[in-house]
Amino acid sequence: MAHNPVPWANGAVLPNLESALCYRTFMSEAYPRVIETVRKVVASGLIYLPSSAADFKNPEINKYLAQYVRGSNDMGHIERIKIMKLLWDATGTEFGGRHALYELNYAGAPEDVRLQVLKGAERTGTLKMMEELVDTCMSDYDENGWTGDTWLPPLSSPSESLKSEA
């Protein structure tokens, strides 16, 4: 959205609408997957975090954190805990849960968002360009594979494939 902004009044710019609509569509699917991936990969790492930064100031607690909550490749316990707390805030807290709902429903129900994107693509001519791309692709392809000289010619048999690899 920021890489290719649209000029607006008095030298100001607006976020690129096409990019914004792609993001809007993508995030309703991607953010739940991000949460799922973090929970699977990090697993119990999110469970045994210190209650607060005050635990670092308590020498009795901090020595155990340094021993048992350190990271890989010489990462210290404070850096690892910072990463885990950030992941927890983004995925497990009230903030993370509310953000997931925000991404899913900000512009309406997910089905409605997809209709908004479709209508936007129709209005800007992007849908027509996409359909032309499909038509171009399909006209350069038949039941035997690619027909144009841009691509490798289709192989006539599996044995021919083995010869070409040898």
Protein backbone atom coordinates (compact mmCIF):
# COMPACT_ATOMS: atom_id res chain seq x y z
CA MET A 1 0.00 0.00 0.00
CA ALA A 2 2.86 2.36 0.80
CA HIS A 3 5.19 1.20 -1.99
CA ASN A 4 2.84 2.32 -4.76
CA PRO A 5 0.60 5.05 -3.28
CA VAL A 6 -2.00 6.99 -5.22
CA PRO A 7 -1.53 10.80 -5.51
CA TRP A 8 -4.13 12.85 -3.67
CA ALA A 9 -4.78 16.48 -2.70
CA ASN A 10 -1.99 18.96 -1.87
CA GLY A 11 0.85 16.50 -2.48
CA ALA A 12 -0.56 13.91 -0.08
CA VAL A 13 -0.92 10.29 -1.11
CA LEU A 14 -3.41 7.53 -0.33
CA PRO A 15 -2.63 3.85 0.15
CA ASN A 16 -2.92 1.87 -3.06
CA LEU A 17 -6.46 0.45 -3.07
CA GLU A 18 -5.58 -2.69 -5.02
CA SER A 19 -2.89 -3.56 -2.48
CA ALA A 20 -5.24 -2.73 0.39
CA LEU A 21 -7.92 -5.04 -1.00
CA CYS A 22 -5.36 -7.84 -1.46
CA TYR A 23 -4.23 -7.37 2.14
CA ARG A 24 -7.83 -7.30 3.37
CA THR A 25 -8.60 -10.57 1.60
CA PHE A 26 -5.34 -12.26 2.55
CA MET A 27 -5.35 -11.41 6.25
CA SER A 28 -8.71 -13.00 7.01
CA GLU A 29 -7.11 -16.28 5.92
CA ALA A 30 -3.48 -15.68 6.90
CA TYR A 31 -3.73 -14.31 10.43
CA PRO A 32 -5.47 -17.40 11.85
CA ARG A 33 -2.78 -19.50 10.17
CA VAL A 34 -0.04 -17.34 11.72
CA ILE A 35 -1.59 -17.91 15.15
CA GLU A 36 -1.85 -21.65 14.49
CA THR A 37 1.77 -21.84 13.31
CA VAL A 38 3.10 -19.91 16.31
CA ARG A 39 1.18 -22.16 18.69
CA LYS A 40 2.43 -25.33 16.99
CA VAL A 41 6.06 -24.30 16.56
CA VAL A 42 6.58 -22.46 19.83
CA ALA A 43 4.37 -24.92 21.71
CA SER A 44 4.97 -24.82 25.46
CA GLY A 45 7.39 -21.90 25.16
CA LEU A 46 4.45 -19.54 25.54
CA ILE A 47 3.25 -21.23 28.73
CA TYR A 48 6.21 -20.87 31.09
CA LEU A 49 6.97 -17.19 30.74
CA PRO A 50 7.75 -15.02 33.75
CA SER A 51 4.83 -13.06 35.12
CA SER A 52 6.54 -9.69 34.62
CA ALA A 53 9.86 -7.90 34.18
CA ALA A 54 10.06 -7.75 37.97
CA ASP A 55 11.14 -11.42 37.87
CA PHE A 56 14.44 -10.34 36.26
CA LYS A 57 15.12 -8.05 39.25
CA ASN A 58 14.61 -10.85 41.77
CA PRO A 59 17.98 -12.66 41.96
CA GLU A 60 16.39 -15.92 43.16
CA ILE A 61 13.99 -16.07 40.23
CA ASN A 62 16.32 -14.58 37.61
CA LYS A 63 19.00 -17.27 38.17
CA TYR A 64 16.43 -19.96 37.29
CA LEU A 65 15.23 -18.02 34.27
CA ALA A 66 18.83 -17.69 33.07
CA GLN A 67 19.37 -21.42 33.52
CA TYR A 68 16.11 -22.85 32.18
CA VAL A 69 14.65 -20.30 29.78
CA ARG A 70 17.68 -19.48 27.65
CA GLY A 71 17.49 -19.74 23.89
CA SER A 72 19.46 -21.64 21.29
CA ASN A 73 22.81 -20.51 19.90
CA ASP A 74 23.83 -18.63 23.04
CA MET A 75 20.68 -16.50 23.14
CA GLY A 76 20.22 -15.22 26.64
CA HIS A 77 17.07 -15.71 28.66
CA ILE A 78 15.99 -12.06 28.48
CA GLU A 79 16.10 -11.96 24.67
CA ARG A 80 14.25 -15.29 24.40
CA ILE A 81 11.60 -14.16 26.87
CA LYS A 82 11.14 -10.90 24.94
CA ILE A 83 10.47 -12.88 21.77
CA MET A 84 8.07 -15.25 23.53
CA LYS A 85 6.19 -12.39 25.21
CA LEU A 86 5.84 -10.61 21.86
CA LEU A 87 4.48 -13.80 20.26
CA TRP A 88 2.10 -14.26 23.20
CA ASP A 89 0.89 -10.67 22.93
CA ALA A 90 0.30 -11.12 19.18
CA THR A 91 -1.48 -14.47 19.43
CA GLY A 92 -2.71 -15.33 22.91
CA THR A 93 -3.68 -12.24 24.84
CA GLU A 94 -6.85 -10.22 24.65
CA PHE A 95 -5.00 -7.93 22.22
CA GLY A 96 -4.03 -10.88 20.00
CA GLY A 97 -7.53 -12.32 20.06
CA ARG A 98 -9.13 -8.96 19.32
CA HIS A 99 -6.65 -8.37 16.48
CA ALA A 100 -7.54 -11.74 14.95
CA LEU A 101 -11.23 -10.79 15.04
CA TYR A 102 -10.37 -7.37 13.62
CA GLU A 103 -8.51 -8.88 10.66
CA LEU A 104 -11.35 -11.34 10.05
CA ASN A 105 -14.24 -8.89 10.29
CA TYR A 106 -12.97 -5.31 9.86
CA ALA A 107 -14.57 -4.74 6.46
CA GLY A 108 -17.50 -7.08 7.02
CA ALA A 109 -17.97 -10.81 6.83
CA PRO A 110 -15.25 -12.66 4.90
CA GLU A 111 -17.68 -13.42 2.06
CA ASP A 112 -18.57 -9.73 1.82
CA VAL A 113 -14.88 -8.78 1.68
CA ARG A 114 -14.36 -11.06 -1.30
CA LEU A 115 -17.30 -9.45 -3.07
CA GLN A 116 -15.79 -6.02 -2.37
CA VAL A 117 -12.53 -7.16 -3.96
CA LEU A 118 -14.37 -8.59 -6.98
CA LYS A 119 -16.34 -5.37 -7.49
CA GLY A 120 -13.16 -3.30 -7.13
CA ALA A 121 -11.41 -5.45 -9.72
CA GLU A 122 -14.37 -5.05 -12.08
CA ARG A 123 -14.37 -1.24 -11.66
CA THR A 124 -10.63 -0.81 -12.22
CA GLY A 125 -10.37 -3.23 -15.15
CA THR A 126 -8.13 -5.58 -13.17
CA LEU A 127 -10.62 -8.44 -13.48
CA LYS A 128 -10.59 -8.08 -17.28
CA MET A 129 -6.78 -8.20 -17.28
CA MET A 130 -6.87 -11.35 -15.12
CA GLU A 131 -9.35 -13.00 -17.46
CA GLU A 132 -7.16 -12.05 -20.45
CA LEU A 133 -4.16 -13.63 -18.71
CA VAL A 134 -6.12 -16.86 -18.26
CA ASP A 135 -7.20 -16.76 -21.91
CA THR A 136 -3.60 -16.21 -23.04
CA CYS A 137 -2.42 -19.09 -20.90
CA MET A 138 -5.15 -21.42 -22.12
CA SER A 139 -4.54 -20.53 -25.78
CA ASP A 140 -0.89 -21.53 -25.33
CA TYR A 141 -1.79 -24.90 -23.81
CA ASP A 142 -3.61 -27.99 -25.01
CA GLU A 143 -4.14 -31.58 -23.90
CA ASN A 144 -0.48 -32.35 -24.69
CA GLY A 145 0.96 -29.42 -22.76
CA TRP A 146 2.44 -26.07 -23.81
CA THR A 147 2.08 -25.31 -27.52
CA GLY A 148 3.97 -22.02 -27.86
CA ASP A 149 7.67 -21.83 -28.68
CA THR A 150 8.34 -19.92 -25.45
CA TRP A 151 8.08 -23.10 -23.42
CA LEU A 152 9.71 -26.48 -23.64
CA PRO A 153 7.93 -28.75 -26.13
CA PRO A 154 5.76 -31.46 -24.60
CA LEU A 155 7.36 -34.90 -24.27
CA SER A 156 5.72 -37.61 -26.32
CA SER A 157 6.31 -40.47 -23.87
CA PRO A 158 7.60 -41.24 -20.37
CA SER A 159 10.62 -43.05 -21.83
CA GLU A 160 11.56 -39.87 -23.73
CA SER A 161 11.55 -38.06 -20.39
CA LEU A 162 13.99 -40.58 -18.96
CA LYS A 163 16.31 -40.20 -21.99
CA SER A 164 16.40 -36.43 -21.64
CA GLU A 165 17.35 -36.71 -17.96
CA ALA A 166 20.22 -39.10 -18.67
